[in-house]
């Protein structure tokens, strides 16, 4: 099973490791939220013929991932 096929679950152990800045745990959480973040960072544009195109704003995706990592670090105050 490759990384794309792995199903990541949020659980207490994973969150605790992420709060303590475990790179693998942070990657797993980012993977878990990847589809949602992609949806938030996708925009539609239209050409002169009215055709719709969807594109992923990579900068927006990176900012959202960074914000998620910042929020994870704050979870430690609540655990």
Protein backbone atom coordinates (compact mmCIF):
# COMPACT_ATOMS: atom_id res chain seq x y z
CA UNK A 1 0.00 0.00 0.00
CA UNK A 2 1.52 3.35 -1.00
CA UNK A 3 1.15 6.69 0.81
CA UNK A 4 -1.81 7.80 -1.32
CA UNK A 5 -3.73 4.65 -0.43
CA UNK A 6 -3.06 4.80 3.31
CA UNK A 7 -6.00 5.85 5.41
CA UNK A 8 -4.97 8.19 8.15
CA UNK A 9 -7.05 8.47 11.27
CA UNK A 10 -6.97 11.23 13.81
CA UNK A 11 -6.46 9.73 17.22
CA UNK A 12 -5.16 10.91 20.56
CA UNK A 13 -1.69 9.44 20.08
CA UNK A 14 -1.27 11.07 16.66
CA UNK A 15 -2.40 14.44 17.99
CA UNK A 16 -0.06 14.21 21.00
CA UNK A 17 2.88 13.42 18.72
CA UNK A 18 1.95 16.31 16.40
CA UNK A 19 1.66 18.72 19.34
CA UNK A 20 5.22 17.70 20.25
CA UNK A 21 6.34 18.54 16.67
CA UNK A 22 6.82 14.97 15.45
CA UNK A 23 7.34 15.50 11.68
CA UNK A 24 5.66 12.19 10.74
CA UNK A 25 2.60 13.01 12.84
CA UNK A 26 2.34 16.50 11.34
CA UNK A 27 2.61 15.00 7.86
CA UNK A 28 -0.10 12.46 8.68
CA UNK A 29 -2.46 15.20 9.88
CA UNK A 30 -1.75 17.33 6.81
CA UNK A 31 -2.45 14.26 4.66
CA UNK A 32 -5.71 13.68 6.53
CA UNK A 33 -6.88 17.24 5.76
CA UNK A 34 -5.37 17.43 2.24
CA UNK A 35 -8.64 16.99 0.33
CA UNK A 36 -10.38 19.62 2.45
CA UNK A 37 -7.49 22.08 2.11
CA UNK A 38 -7.40 21.52 -1.65
CA UNK A 39 -11.11 22.32 -1.84
CA UNK A 40 -10.58 25.54 0.12
CA UNK A 41 -7.63 26.58 -2.06
CA UNK A 42 -9.31 25.85 -5.41
CA UNK A 43 -10.74 28.70 -7.44
CA UNK A 44 -12.73 28.94 -10.65
CA UNK A 45 -11.87 31.13 -13.58
CA UNK A 46 -13.65 31.73 -16.85
CA UNK A 47 -12.31 32.32 -20.33
CA UNK A 48 -13.78 34.63 -22.96
CA UNK A 49 -16.05 31.80 -24.22
CA UNK A 50 -17.57 31.22 -20.80
CA UNK A 51 -15.72 27.96 -20.14
CA UNK A 52 -15.03 27.29 -16.50
CA UNK A 53 -11.61 26.21 -15.29
CA UNK A 54 -10.64 25.12 -11.79
CA UNK A 55 -7.15 25.63 -10.47
CA UNK A 56 -5.40 25.04 -7.18
CA UNK A 57 -3.79 28.11 -5.64
CA UNK A 58 -0.57 26.56 -4.29
CA UNK A 59 0.26 29.66 -2.21
CA UNK A 60 -3.14 29.54 -0.53
CA UNK A 61 -2.73 25.82 0.12
CA UNK A 62 0.66 26.42 1.76
CA UNK A 63 -0.79 29.21 3.93
CA UNK A 64 -3.67 26.98 5.04
CA UNK A 65 -1.29 24.14 5.87
CA UNK A 66 0.90 26.53 7.86
CA UNK A 67 -2.13 27.80 9.79
CA UNK A 68 -3.14 24.22 10.56
CA UNK A 69 0.34 23.44 11.89
CA UNK A 70 0.22 26.58 14.06
CA UNK A 71 -3.17 25.52 15.42
CA UNK A 72 -1.90 22.00 16.16
CA UNK A 73 0.89 23.43 18.29
CA UNK A 74 -1.75 25.33 20.31
CA UNK A 75 -3.67 22.09 20.91
CA UNK A 76 -1.00 21.22 23.49
CA UNK A 77 -2.44 23.88 25.78
CA UNK A 78 -5.78 22.08 25.71
CA UNK A 79 -4.57 18.48 26.05
